[in-house]
C-alpha atoms as a PDB file:
ATOM      1  CA  MET A   1       2.772 -26.520   7.196  1.00  0.00           C
ATOM      2  CA  THR A   2       0.529 -24.834   9.708  1.00  0.00           C
ATOM      3  CA  LYS A   3      -3.173 -26.553  10.949  1.00  0.00           C
ATOM      4  CA  ASN A   4      -5.760 -23.803  10.748  1.00  0.00           C
ATOM      5  CA  VAL A   5      -7.771 -24.694  14.022  1.00  0.00           C
ATOM      6  CA  GLY A   6     -11.085 -23.225  15.294  1.00  0.00           C
ATOM      7  CA  VAL A   7     -11.732 -20.784  17.452  1.00  0.00           C
ATOM      8  CA  THR A   8     -15.280 -20.358  19.690  1.00  0.00           C
ATOM      9  CA  ILE A   9     -16.359 -16.779  21.210  1.00  0.00           C
ATOM     10  CA  LYS A  10     -19.423 -15.736  23.691  1.00  0.00           C
ATOM     11  CA  LEU A  11     -20.961 -12.282  23.220  1.00  0.00           C
ATOM     12  CA  PRO A  12     -24.282 -11.016  23.014  1.00  0.00           C
ATOM     13  CA  LEU A  13     -25.624 -10.111  19.459  1.00  0.00           C
ATOM     14  CA  ALA A  14     -25.463  -6.274  19.371  1.00  0.00           C
ATOM     15  CA  GLN A  15     -22.250  -7.354  18.783  1.00  0.00           C
ATOM     16  CA  ARG A  16     -21.311  -9.859  16.615  1.00  0.00           C
ATOM     17  CA  GLN A  17     -23.606  -7.849  14.868  1.00  0.00           C
ATOM     18  CA  LEU A  18     -21.444  -4.579  14.744  1.00  0.00           C
ATOM     19  CA  LEU A  19     -18.690  -7.220  14.108  1.00  0.00           C
ATOM     20  CA  HIS A  20     -19.421  -8.032  10.999  1.00  0.00           C
ATOM     21  CA  LYS A  21     -20.764  -5.047   9.589  1.00  0.00           C
ATOM     22  CA  LYS A  22     -17.172  -3.726  10.346  1.00  0.00           C
ATOM     23  CA  ALA A  23     -15.373  -6.067   7.875  1.00  0.00           C
ATOM     24  CA  ASN A  24     -18.222  -6.194   5.673  1.00  0.00           C
ATOM     25  CA  LYS A  25     -16.699  -2.156   6.059  1.00  0.00           C
ATOM     26  CA  ALA A  26     -13.831  -3.476   5.757  1.00  0.00           C
ATOM     27  CA  GLY A  27     -14.889  -5.793   2.519  1.00  0.00           C
ATOM     28  CA  ILE A  28     -13.249  -8.554   4.290  1.00  0.00           C
ATOM     29  CA  SER A  29     -14.197 -12.046   6.380  1.00  0.00           C
ATOM     30  CA  LEU A  30     -15.302 -11.486   9.517  1.00  0.00           C
ATOM     31  CA  THR A  31     -11.769 -13.992  10.712  1.00  0.00           C
ATOM     32  CA  LYS A  32      -9.865 -11.925   7.950  1.00  0.00           C
ATOM     33  CA  PHE A  33     -11.036  -8.819  10.608  1.00  0.00           C
ATOM     34  CA  LEU A  34     -11.327 -10.398  13.937  1.00  0.00           C
ATOM     35  CA  ILE A  35      -7.211 -12.018  13.077  1.00  0.00           C
ATOM     36  CA  LYS A  36      -5.967  -9.304  11.138  1.00  0.00           C
ATOM     37  CA  THR A  37      -7.469  -5.916  14.436  1.00  0.00           C
ATOM     38  CA  ALA A  38      -5.990  -7.949  17.463  1.00  0.00           C
ATOM     39  CA  LEU A  39      -3.258  -9.393  16.286  1.00  0.00           C
ATOM     40  CA  ASN A  40      -1.775  -6.216  14.786  1.00  0.00           C
ATOM     41  CA  ASP A  41      -3.591  -4.507  17.045  1.00  0.00           C
ATOM     42  CA  GLN A  42      -5.285  -0.831  14.949  1.00  0.00           C
ATOM     43  CA  THR A  43      -8.268  -0.929  12.599  1.00  0.00           C
ATOM     44  CA  THR A  44      -7.830  -1.826   9.829  1.00  0.00           C
ATOM     45  CA  ASN A  45      -8.600   0.020   6.293  1.00  0.00           C
ATOM     46  CA  THR A  46     -12.224   0.573   5.052  1.00  0.00           C
ATOM     47  CA  LYS A  47     -12.337  -0.990   1.014  1.00  0.00           C
ATOM     48  CA  GLU A  48     -12.815   3.171  -0.624  1.00  0.00           C
ATOM     49  CA  GLN A  49      -9.902   3.401   2.168  1.00  0.00           C
ATOM     50  CA  ARG A  50      -7.694   0.714   0.424  1.00  0.00           C
ATOM     51  CA  GLU A  51      -8.955   1.331  -3.155  1.00  0.00           C
ATOM     52  CA  ALA A  52      -7.563   4.825  -2.830  1.00  0.00           C
ATOM     53  CA  LEU A  53      -4.091   4.193  -1.460  1.00  0.00           C
ATOM     54  CA  LEU A  54      -4.224   1.473  -4.166  1.00  0.00           C
ATOM     55  CA  ALA A  55      -4.962   4.415  -6.349  1.00  0.00           C
ATOM     56  CA  MET A  56      -1.820   6.340  -5.229  1.00  0.00           C
ATOM     57  CA  ILE A  57       0.652   3.228  -5.464  1.00  0.00           C
ATOM     58  CA  PHE A  58      -0.367   3.705  -9.552  1.00  0.00           C
ATOM     59  CA  GLU A  59      -0.211   7.090  -9.462  1.00  0.00           C
ATOM     60  CA  LEU A  60       3.665   7.165  -8.008  1.00  0.00           C
ATOM     61  CA  HIS A  61       4.669   4.383 -10.158  1.00  0.00           C
ATOM     62  CA  LYS A  62       3.486   6.728 -13.641  1.00  0.00           C
ATOM     63  CA  ALA A  63       5.774   9.881 -11.479  1.00  0.00           C
ATOM     64  CA  GLY A  64       8.330   7.258 -11.052  1.00  0.00           C
ATOM     65  CA  ASN A  65       8.381   5.817 -13.776  1.00  0.00           C
ATOM     66  CA  ASN A  66       7.956   9.380 -16.048  1.00  0.00           C
ATOM     67  CA  LEU A  67      10.906  10.372 -13.784  1.00  0.00           C
ATOM     68  CA  ASN A  68      13.309   7.594 -15.529  1.00  0.00           C
ATOM     69  CA  GLN A  69      12.306   7.497 -18.518  1.00  0.00           C
ATOM     70  CA  ILE A  70      13.321  12.025 -17.985  1.00  0.00           C
ATOM     71  CA  ALA A  71      16.814  10.678 -16.103  1.00  0.00           C
ATOM     72  CA  HIS A  72      17.699   7.941 -18.408  1.00  0.00           C
ATOM     73  CA  ARG A  73      17.055  10.664 -21.071  1.00  0.00           C
ATOM     74  CA  LEU A  74      18.755  13.608 -19.509  1.00  0.00           C
ATOM     75  CA  ASN A  75      21.856  10.383 -19.368  1.00  0.00           C
ATOM     76  CA  SER A  76      21.899   9.627 -22.671  1.00  0.00           C
ATOM     77  CA  SER A  77      24.126  10.878 -24.361  1.00  0.00           C
ATOM     78  CA  LYS A  78      21.708  11.433 -27.998  1.00  0.00           C
ATOM     79  CA  PHE A  79      20.096  14.022 -25.559  1.00  0.00           C
ATOM     80  CA  THR A  80      23.156  16.565 -25.997  1.00  0.00           C
ATOM     81  CA  ASN A  81      27.507  16.507 -26.731  1.00  0.00           C
ATOM     82  CA  ALA A  82      26.890  17.903 -23.465  1.00  0.00           C
ATOM     83  CA  PRO A  83      28.906  15.694 -20.292  1.00  0.00           C
ATOM     84  CA  PRO A  84      25.560  14.131 -18.848  1.00  0.00           C
ATOM     85  CA  PRO A  85      24.182  16.278 -15.303  1.00  0.00           C
ATOM     86  CA  HIS A  86      24.349  15.018 -12.031  1.00  0.00           C
ATOM     87  CA  ASN A  87      21.324  13.048 -11.946  1.00  0.00           C
ATOM     88  CA  PHE A  88      21.492  13.308  -7.968  1.00  0.00           C
ATOM     89  CA  GLU A  89      18.028  14.408  -8.107  1.00  0.00           C
ATOM     90  CA  SER A  90      16.285  12.097  -9.680  1.00  0.00           C
ATOM     91  CA  ARG A  91      17.705   9.080  -8.109  1.00  0.00           C
ATOM     92  CA  GLN A  92      16.342  10.285  -4.818  1.00  0.00           C
ATOM     93  CA  ALA A  93      13.348  11.652  -5.264  1.00  0.00           C
ATOM     94  CA  VAL A  94      13.071   7.508  -6.833  1.00  0.00           C
ATOM     95  CA  THR A  95      13.968   6.575  -4.140  1.00  0.00           C
ATOM     96  CA  GLU A  96      11.737   8.543  -2.439  1.00  0.00           C
ATOM     97  CA  MET A  97       8.688   7.769  -4.110  1.00  0.00           C
ATOM     98  CA  LYS A  98      10.028   3.540  -3.122  1.00  0.00           C
ATOM     99  CA  GLU A  99      10.259   4.909   0.580  1.00  0.00           C
ATOM    100  CA  VAL A 100       5.942   5.704  -0.029  1.00  0.00           C
ATOM    101  CA  ILE A 101       5.133   3.001  -2.118  1.00  0.00           C
ATOM    102  CA  GLU A 102       5.732   0.869   0.586  1.00  0.00           C
ATOM    103  CA  ALA A 103       4.700   2.283   3.746  1.00  0.00           C
ATOM    104  CA  ILE A 104       1.503   3.010   1.888  1.00  0.00           C
ATOM    105  CA  LYS A 105       1.109  -1.081   0.692  1.00  0.00           C
ATOM    106  CA  LYS A 106       1.685  -1.225   5.216  1.00  0.00           C
ATOM    107  CA  LEU A 107      -1.344   0.094   5.720  1.00  0.00           C
ATOM    108  CA  LEU A 108      -3.609  -1.867   3.327  1.00  0.00           C
END
């Protein structure tokens, strides 16, 4: 188990207020904001951006579930007596959706 240690920095009040404002806009604590921006070498997403990304993930999951259901029905013998169609495209679409979801999660 790692032990957390404190770090003290000195900066003008105006900069401190700006950091707090940015952390609040991102919807996270000042500590988390400073760590995330310093270690990730990128700015954090705003709360609205994170919510939009989460909504996109939700919609992609729903579309993926629908696609899986369609593929399952196409491959089932209940659908038709003919041999099931090749469903490479549906599998590829599911794989691509999962990749997009993972990419979005990395942005959060």
